[in-house]
């Protein structure tokens, strides 16, 4: 796990406050760009707040690979880490194996805590903090050159608004919705949140354990597997 101290966090917040886009990212063609799928455990104020970003190269091919896993396991429902649906287990385990061994797919996460209740009350101040967190999430993922974000139009949260501002849509338009990769990002973020929040439900614990075993790490929160699974901790 990468520890981001408060001085670095404040420095990042100051740097992004006057910038409309993330300097490391340049708008690219959606057709050949790496595609990022951002997710979060919940809205801030429920601590820990966990943010995740799944990045896929040749995203259309990766989407098709997950679709094939659905066919193989006969699972058609929406995958949700928080669900107690036992029927998802075979598909979730196949997805974990796919992620751990697959090429051109990586995950980055932020575990955010607020021990001194510093989360701002004013909208403008909150936007600055969120911009800093979103920037650090992308940097934790390695700030892939030409990154394009896949954020469905129906999502209107402050985090999604901030990400759209940091990483503009390419001139040739956003990539198409890819629900399988979006759900994979949400699932991996959920596994990280479940560990950080000490989830006790049996299936959640089992699937988080399966992910740790597949990645060969003792704790997801401590993972620093460059190019595959990297987590940073932030204290506001």
Protein backbone atom coordinates (compact mmCIF):
# COMPACT_ATOMS: atom_id res chain seq x y z
CA UNK A 1 0.00 0.00 0.00
CA UNK A 2 1.16 3.51 -0.81
CA UNK A 3 0.74 5.98 2.06
CA UNK A 4 -0.03 9.52 0.95
CA UNK A 5 0.79 11.91 3.78
CA UNK A 6 -1.30 15.00 4.43
CA UNK A 7 1.34 17.39 3.03
CA UNK A 8 1.26 15.58 -0.31
CA UNK A 9 -2.53 15.49 -0.26
CA UNK A 10 -2.74 19.25 0.35
CA UNK A 11 -0.15 19.85 -2.36
CA UNK A 12 -2.16 17.86 -4.86
CA UNK A 13 -5.32 19.70 -3.86
CA UNK A 14 -3.62 23.05 -4.45
CA UNK A 15 -2.22 21.93 -7.79
CA UNK A 16 -5.54 20.75 -9.19
CA UNK A 17 -7.55 23.68 -7.83
CA UNK A 18 -6.54 25.92 -10.72
CA UNK A 19 -6.40 23.26 -13.43
CA UNK A 20 -9.33 22.23 -15.59
CA UNK A 21 -7.78 18.94 -16.72
CA UNK A 22 -5.30 16.44 -15.34
CA UNK A 23 -1.91 17.30 -16.84
CA UNK A 24 -0.85 13.68 -17.31
CA UNK A 25 -3.93 12.86 -19.39
CA UNK A 26 -4.43 14.01 -22.94
CA UNK A 27 -7.71 13.43 -24.80
CA UNK A 28 -7.28 10.51 -27.16
CA UNK A 29 -9.34 8.62 -29.67
CA UNK A 30 -11.87 6.51 -27.81
CA UNK A 31 -11.29 3.72 -30.33
CA UNK A 32 -7.75 2.84 -29.23
CA UNK A 33 -7.38 4.41 -25.79
CA UNK A 34 -7.16 2.60 -22.46
CA UNK A 35 -10.56 2.84 -20.81
CA UNK A 36 -11.02 3.50 -17.11
CA UNK A 37 -14.07 2.46 -15.09
CA UNK A 38 -14.30 4.52 -11.88
CA UNK A 39 -16.32 3.36 -8.88
CA UNK A 40 -16.71 4.19 -5.21
CA UNK A 41 -17.95 2.35 -2.14
CA UNK A 42 -20.48 5.02 -1.19
CA UNK A 43 -20.76 8.75 -0.80
CA UNK A 44 -18.21 10.41 1.47
CA UNK A 45 -19.15 10.74 5.14
CA UNK A 46 -19.35 6.96 5.42
CA UNK A 47 -15.80 6.13 6.40
CA UNK A 48 -13.71 4.53 5.13
CA UNK A 49 -14.55 5.95 1.72
CA UNK A 50 -13.07 3.71 -0.98
CA UNK A 51 -12.56 4.75 -4.60
CA UNK A 52 -11.56 2.32 -7.34
CA UNK A 53 -10.50 2.53 -10.97
CA UNK A 54 -10.32 -0.46 -13.30
CA UNK A 55 -8.26 0.28 -16.43
CA UNK A 56 -8.55 -1.95 -19.48
CA UNK A 57 -6.58 -1.91 -22.70
CA UNK A 58 -8.54 -3.09 -25.77
CA UNK A 59 -11.64 -2.71 -23.61
CA UNK A 60 -14.02 -4.19 -26.18
CA UNK A 61 -12.06 -7.47 -26.10
CA UNK A 62 -11.99 -7.45 -22.29
CA UNK A 63 -15.76 -6.85 -22.22
CA UNK A 64 -16.24 -9.86 -24.50
CA UNK A 65 -14.04 -12.02 -22.27
CA UNK A 66 -16.24 -11.30 -19.26
CA UNK A 67 -19.33 -11.99 -21.35
CA UNK A 68 -17.85 -15.40 -22.12
CA UNK A 69 -17.41 -16.03 -18.38
CA UNK A 70 -21.09 -15.25 -17.92
CA UNK A 71 -21.95 -17.83 -20.57
CA UNK A 72 -19.67 -20.40 -18.96
CA UNK A 73 -21.13 -19.92 -15.47
CA UNK A 74 -24.70 -19.20 -16.64
CA UNK A 75 -24.88 -16.06 -14.53
CA UNK A 76 -26.99 -13.29 -16.08
CA UNK A 77 -27.71 -11.07 -13.11
CA UNK A 78 -25.99 -7.84 -12.27
CA UNK A 79 -22.87 -8.60 -10.24
CA UNK A 80 -22.81 -6.79 -6.90
CA UNK A 81 -20.29 -7.35 -4.12
CA UNK A 82 -22.85 -6.31 -1.49
CA UNK A 83 -25.40 -8.85 -2.70
CA UNK A 84 -25.94 -12.07 -0.74
CA UNK A 85 -26.85 -13.91 -3.95
CA UNK A 86 -25.08 -17.27 -3.65
CA UNK A 87 -25.57 -17.91 -7.36
CA UNK A 88 -23.00 -15.22 -8.16
CA UNK A 89 -20.17 -17.17 -6.50
CA UNK A 90 -19.02 -19.19 -9.52
CA UNK A 91 -19.07 -16.15 -11.80
CA UNK A 92 -17.32 -13.94 -9.23
CA UNK A 93 -14.57 -16.52 -8.75
CA UNK A 94 -14.14 -16.83 -12.53
CA UNK A 95 -13.97 -13.03 -12.78
CA UNK A 96 -11.29 -12.90 -10.09
CA UNK A 97 -9.20 -15.50 -11.93
CA UNK A 98 -9.65 -13.57 -15.18
CA UNK A 99 -8.52 -10.34 -13.55
CA UNK A 100 -5.54 -11.85 -11.75
CA UNK A 101 -4.14 -13.56 -14.84
CA UNK A 102 -5.41 -11.35 -17.65
CA UNK A 103 -3.36 -8.93 -19.68
CA UNK A 104 -4.12 -5.23 -20.20
CA UNK A 105 -6.25 -4.93 -17.09
CA UNK A 106 -5.31 -3.29 -13.79
CA UNK A 107 -6.98 -1.83 -10.72
CA UNK A 108 -6.11 1.09 -8.47
CA UNK A 109 -7.82 2.01 -5.23
CA UNK A 110 -7.85 4.76 -2.61
CA UNK A 111 -8.83 4.14 1.00
CA UNK A 112 -9.83 7.52 2.41
CA UNK A 113 -10.33 8.18 6.12
CA UNK A 114 -11.27 11.34 7.98
CA UNK A 115 -10.26 10.81 11.62
CA UNK A 116 -10.43 14.51 12.51
CA UNK A 117 -13.70 15.32 10.69
CA UNK A 118 -12.04 17.59 8.12
CA UNK A 119 -14.50 16.87 5.30
CA UNK A 120 -15.63 20.38 4.19
CA UNK A 121 -19.17 21.65 4.56
CA UNK A 122 -19.00 24.12 1.67
CA UNK A 123 -19.53 22.94 -1.90
CA UNK A 124 -16.47 24.70 -3.34
CA UNK A 125 -14.17 23.27 -0.69
CA UNK A 126 -15.63 19.78 -1.14
CA UNK A 127 -15.06 20.04 -4.90
CA UNK A 128 -11.37 20.80 -4.31
CA UNK A 129 -10.97 17.80 -2.02
CA UNK A 130 -12.79 15.55 -4.48
CA UNK A 131 -10.62 16.81 -7.36
CA UNK A 132 -7.51 15.96 -5.35
CA UNK A 133 -8.82 12.48 -4.54
CA UNK A 134 -9.78 11.80 -8.16
CA UNK A 135 -6.36 12.99 -9.34
CA UNK A 136 -4.59 10.76 -6.83
CA UNK A 137 -6.73 7.79 -7.89
CA UNK A 138 -5.70 8.23 -11.53
CA UNK A 139 -2.07 8.71 -10.52
CA UNK A 140 -2.21 5.55 -8.39
CA UNK A 141 -3.34 3.76 -11.56
CA UNK A 142 -0.22 5.08 -13.30
CA UNK A 143 -1.98 7.93 -15.15
CA UNK A 144 -2.25 5.85 -18.36
CA UNK A 145 -1.44 7.91 -21.43
CA UNK A 146 -4.58 8.83 -23.36
CA UNK A 147 -6.91 7.46 -20.68
CA UNK A 148 -10.62 7.68 -21.47
CA UNK A 149 -13.17 7.28 -18.69
CA UNK A 150 -16.36 5.28 -19.11
CA UNK A 151 -18.95 7.03 -16.94
CA UNK A 152 -22.59 6.37 -17.88
CA UNK A 153 -24.53 9.58 -18.57
CA UNK A 154 -27.05 8.74 -15.84
CA UNK A 155 -24.37 9.09 -13.15
CA UNK A 156 -24.42 12.64 -11.79
CA UNK A 157 -22.53 12.47 -8.48
CA UNK A 158 -19.96 15.15 -7.58
CA UNK A 159 -17.24 12.52 -8.04
CA UNK A 160 -18.43 11.74 -11.57
CA UNK A 161 -18.69 15.45 -12.40
CA UNK A 162 -15.14 15.98 -11.15
CA UNK A 163 -13.76 13.06 -13.15
CA UNK A 164 -15.44 14.31 -16.33
CA UNK A 165 -13.76 17.68 -15.82
CA UNK A 166 -10.33 16.15 -15.16
CA UNK A 167 -10.46 13.74 -18.11
CA UNK A 168 -12.47 15.28 -20.98
CA UNK A 169 -14.38 13.14 -23.45
CA UNK A 170 -12.37 12.55 -26.67
CA UNK A 171 -13.27 14.53 -29.75
CA UNK A 172 -14.68 11.42 -31.42
CA UNK A 173 -16.98 10.72 -28.49
CA UNK A 174 -16.98 8.58 -25.37
CA UNK A 175 -16.57 4.80 -25.61
CA UNK A 176 -19.78 2.77 -25.55
CA UNK A 177 -21.15 1.54 -22.25
CA UNK A 178 -19.48 -1.69 -21.16
CA UNK A 179 -21.58 -3.07 -18.30
CA UNK A 180 -19.42 -6.11 -17.63
CA UNK A 181 -16.27 -4.06 -17.08
CA UNK A 182 -18.25 -1.50 -15.09
CA UNK A 183 -19.54 -4.26 -12.80
CA UNK A 184 -16.04 -5.75 -12.53
CA UNK A 185 -14.77 -2.35 -11.34
CA UNK A 186 -17.60 -2.12 -8.82
CA UNK A 187 -16.91 -5.65 -7.58
CA UNK A 188 -13.18 -5.06 -7.07
CA UNK A 189 -13.90 -1.77 -5.31
CA UNK A 190 -16.39 -3.63 -3.13
CA UNK A 191 -13.82 -6.26 -2.19
CA UNK A 192 -11.38 -3.54 -1.14
CA UNK A 193 -14.09 -1.73 0.83
CA UNK A 194 -15.21 -4.96 2.48
CA UNK A 195 -11.72 -5.58 3.80
CA UNK A 196 -11.23 -1.95 4.88
CA UNK A 197 -14.60 -1.91 6.66
CA UNK A 198 -14.13 -5.40 8.16
CA UNK A 199 -17.18 -6.93 6.44
CA UNK A 200 -18.30 -10.09 8.21
CA UNK A 201 -20.90 -11.58 5.85
CA UNK A 202 -19.63 -15.03 4.89
CA UNK A 203 -19.80 -14.72 1.10
CA UNK A 204 -18.12 -11.29 1.13
CA UNK A 205 -15.31 -12.62 3.29
CA UNK A 206 -14.89 -15.66 1.05
CA UNK A 207 -14.73 -13.69 -2.20
CA UNK A 208 -12.33 -11.13 -0.75
CA UNK A 209 -10.17 -14.05 0.39
CA UNK A 210 -10.32 -15.55 -3.10
CA UNK A 211 -9.10 -12.27 -4.57
CA UNK A 212 -6.24 -12.03 -2.08
CA UNK A 213 -5.20 -15.61 -2.87
CA UNK A 214 -5.33 -14.97 -6.61
CA UNK A 215 -3.16 -11.87 -6.23
CA UNK A 216 -0.87 -13.59 -3.71
CA UNK A 217 -1.22 -10.80 -1.12
CA UNK A 218 -2.03 -11.00 2.58
CA UNK A 219 -4.19 -7.87 2.50
CA UNK A 220 -5.74 -5.95 -0.37
CA UNK A 221 -5.19 -2.71 1.51
CA UNK A 222 -1.44 -3.39 1.51
CA UNK A 223 -1.24 -4.41 -2.16
CA UNK A 224 1.29 -2.66 -4.37
CA UNK A 225 1.44 -4.85 -7.45
CA UNK A 226 2.53 -2.49 -10.20
CA UNK A 227 0.45 -2.91 -13.32
CA UNK A 228 -2.16 -5.08 -11.61
CA UNK A 229 -3.50 -3.98 -8.20
CA UNK A 230 -2.28 -0.90 -6.35
CA UNK A 231 -3.81 0.74 -3.29
CA UNK A 232 -3.05 4.08 -1.65
CA UNK A 233 -4.24 5.34 1.73
CA UNK A 234 -5.29 8.96 2.27
CA UNK A 235 -6.08 10.69 5.55
CA UNK A 236 -7.88 14.01 5.14
